[in-house]
Amino acid sequence: MAGENSPKQERIDRYIDQNLKKVFSDLENDELPGEIVDLLSVLRAQDKELKEKK
């Protein structure tokens, strides 16, 4: 199942998302700003691309 996140990585991703949401909740009514969501998407895509090259 190449390209799929492991359960451990999915837990890490959720943990990061939850903590970023806590940090920004005062600013955006408990929602992550679109820029942060976009940045996370870009970073995850780059990480996936690097892992696939290995």
N, C-alpha and C. Protein backbone atom coordinates (compact mmCIF):
# COMPACT_ATOMS: atom_id res chain seq x y z
N MET A 1 0.84 -1.19 0.00
CA MET A 1 0.00 0.00 0.00
C MET A 1 0.87 1.25 0.00
N ALA A 2 1.67 1.36 -1.02
CA ALA A 2 2.57 2.50 -1.11
C ALA A 2 1.79 3.80 -1.23
N GLY A 3 2.28 4.82 -0.57
CA GLY A 3 1.65 6.13 -0.66
C GLY A 3 0.62 6.40 0.41
N GLU A 4 0.21 5.38 1.16
CA GLU A 4 -0.78 5.60 2.21
C GLU A 4 -0.08 5.92 3.52
N ASN A 5 -0.70 6.76 4.34
CA ASN A 5 -0.15 7.08 5.65
C ASN A 5 -0.33 5.89 6.58
N SER A 6 0.68 5.68 7.41
CA SER A 6 0.57 4.64 8.43
C SER A 6 -0.35 5.16 9.53
N PRO A 7 -0.92 4.26 10.32
CA PRO A 7 -1.76 4.70 11.44
C PRO A 7 -1.00 5.63 12.38
N LYS A 8 0.28 5.36 12.59
CA LYS A 8 1.08 6.22 13.47
C LYS A 8 1.18 7.63 12.87
N GLN A 9 1.46 7.73 11.57
CA GLN A 9 1.57 9.04 10.93
C GLN A 9 0.24 9.77 10.95
N GLU A 10 -0.85 9.05 10.77
CA GLU A 10 -2.18 9.67 10.83
C GLU A 10 -2.45 10.24 12.21
N ARG A 11 -2.03 9.53 13.26
CA ARG A 11 -2.19 10.05 14.63
C ARG A 11 -1.34 11.30 14.83
N ILE A 12 -0.13 11.29 14.29
CA ILE A 12 0.74 12.46 14.39
C ILE A 12 0.10 13.64 13.67
N ASP A 13 -0.41 13.40 12.46
CA ASP A 13 -1.07 14.47 11.69
C ASP A 13 -2.26 15.05 12.45
N ARG A 14 -3.09 14.17 13.04
CA ARG A 14 -4.23 14.65 13.82
C ARG A 14 -3.78 15.46 15.02
N TYR A 15 -2.72 15.00 15.69
CA TYR A 15 -2.18 15.71 16.86
C TYR A 15 -1.72 17.11 16.46
N ILE A 16 -1.00 17.21 15.35
CA ILE A 16 -0.53 18.51 14.87
C ILE A 16 -1.72 19.40 14.52
N ASP A 17 -2.67 18.85 13.78
CA ASP A 17 -3.86 19.63 13.41
C ASP A 17 -4.62 20.13 14.64
N GLN A 18 -4.79 19.25 15.62
CA GLN A 18 -5.53 19.63 16.83
C GLN A 18 -4.81 20.73 17.59
N ASN A 19 -3.48 20.63 17.68
CA ASN A 19 -2.75 21.64 18.42
C ASN A 19 -2.68 22.97 17.68
N LEU A 20 -2.57 22.93 16.37
CA LEU A 20 -2.63 24.18 15.61
C LEU A 20 -4.00 24.83 15.74
N LYS A 21 -5.03 24.00 15.75
CA LYS A 21 -6.39 24.53 15.93
C LYS A 21 -6.52 25.22 17.28
N LYS A 22 -5.96 24.63 18.33
CA LYS A 22 -6.00 25.26 19.65
C LYS A 22 -5.31 26.62 19.64
N VAL A 23 -4.17 26.68 18.99
CA VAL A 23 -3.40 27.93 18.95
C VAL A 23 -4.18 29.03 18.25
N PHE A 24 -4.84 28.69 17.15
CA PHE A 24 -5.52 29.70 16.34
C PHE A 24 -7.01 29.85 16.66
N SER A 25 -7.53 29.09 17.61
CA SER A 25 -8.97 29.11 17.87
C SER A 25 -9.47 30.49 18.30
N ASP A 26 -8.65 31.23 19.02
CA ASP A 26 -9.06 32.56 19.43
C ASP A 26 -9.21 33.50 18.24
N LEU A 27 -8.49 33.22 17.18
CA LEU A 27 -8.50 34.11 16.02
C LEU A 27 -9.58 33.79 15.00
N GLU A 28 -9.94 32.53 14.89
CA GLU A 28 -10.84 32.12 13.81
C GLU A 28 -12.01 31.27 14.28
N ASN A 29 -12.55 31.53 15.44
CA ASN A 29 -13.72 30.79 15.92
C ASN A 29 -13.55 29.27 15.79
N ASP A 30 -12.47 28.78 16.33
CA ASP A 30 -12.17 27.36 16.36
C ASP A 30 -11.92 26.74 14.99
N GLU A 31 -11.56 27.53 14.02
CA GLU A 31 -11.21 27.00 12.70
C GLU A 31 -9.81 27.47 12.34
N LEU A 32 -9.07 26.60 11.68
CA LEU A 32 -7.74 26.99 11.22
C LEU A 32 -7.89 27.99 10.07
N PRO A 33 -7.04 28.99 10.05
CA PRO A 33 -7.05 29.91 8.91
C PRO A 33 -6.73 29.16 7.61
N GLY A 34 -7.32 29.60 6.54
CA GLY A 34 -7.11 28.95 5.25
C GLY A 34 -5.66 28.87 4.86
N GLU A 35 -4.87 29.89 5.22
CA GLU A 35 -3.45 29.89 4.88
C GLU A 35 -2.72 28.75 5.58
N ILE A 36 -3.10 28.46 6.81
CA ILE A 36 -2.46 27.38 7.56
C ILE A 36 -2.86 26.03 6.96
N VAL A 37 -4.13 25.88 6.61
CA VAL A 37 -4.59 24.64 5.99
C VAL A 37 -3.85 24.43 4.67
N ASP A 38 -3.71 25.50 3.89
CA ASP A 38 -2.99 25.40 2.61
C ASP A 38 -1.53 25.04 2.85
N LEU A 39 -0.90 25.66 3.83
CA LEU A 39 0.49 25.37 4.14
C LEU A 39 0.67 23.92 4.55
N LEU A 40 -0.22 23.42 5.39
CA LEU A 40 -0.14 22.02 5.81
C LEU A 40 -0.29 21.08 4.61
N SER A 41 -1.17 21.42 3.70
CA SER A 41 -1.36 20.60 2.51
C SER A 41 -0.09 20.56 1.67
N VAL A 42 0.54 21.71 1.50
CA VAL A 42 1.78 21.79 0.72
C VAL A 42 2.88 20.99 1.40
N LEU A 43 3.02 21.16 2.70
CA LEU A 43 4.06 20.45 3.44
C LEU A 43 3.84 18.94 3.40
N ARG A 44 2.61 18.52 3.54
CA ARG A 44 2.32 17.07 3.49
C ARG A 44 2.62 16.52 2.10
N ALA A 45 2.28 17.27 1.05
CA ALA A 45 2.56 16.82 -0.32
C ALA A 45 4.07 16.72 -0.54
N GLN A 46 4.82 17.69 -0.05
CA GLN A 46 6.27 17.65 -0.18
C GLN A 46 6.85 16.46 0.58
N ASP A 47 6.35 16.22 1.78
CA ASP A 47 6.81 15.10 2.59
C ASP A 47 6.53 13.78 1.87
N LYS A 48 5.33 13.65 1.32
CA LYS A 48 4.96 12.44 0.60
C LYS A 48 5.87 12.23 -0.61
N GLU A 49 6.13 13.32 -1.32
CA GLU A 49 7.00 13.24 -2.51
C GLU A 49 8.41 12.79 -2.12
N LEU A 50 8.93 13.34 -1.03
CA LEU A 50 10.27 12.95 -0.58
C LEU A 50 10.31 11.49 -0.17
N LYS A 51 9.27 11.01 0.50
CA LYS A 51 9.21 9.62 0.94
C LYS A 51 9.13 8.67 -0.26
N GLU A 52 8.42 9.09 -1.30
CA GLU A 52 8.28 8.24 -2.49
C GLU A 52 9.58 8.13 -3.27
N LYS A 53 10.43 9.15 -3.15
CA LYS A 53 11.72 9.13 -3.86
C LYS A 53 12.72 8.19 -3.19
N LYS A 54 12.49 7.86 -1.93
CA LYS A 54 13.45 6.99 -1.21
C LYS A 54 13.35 5.57 -1.64
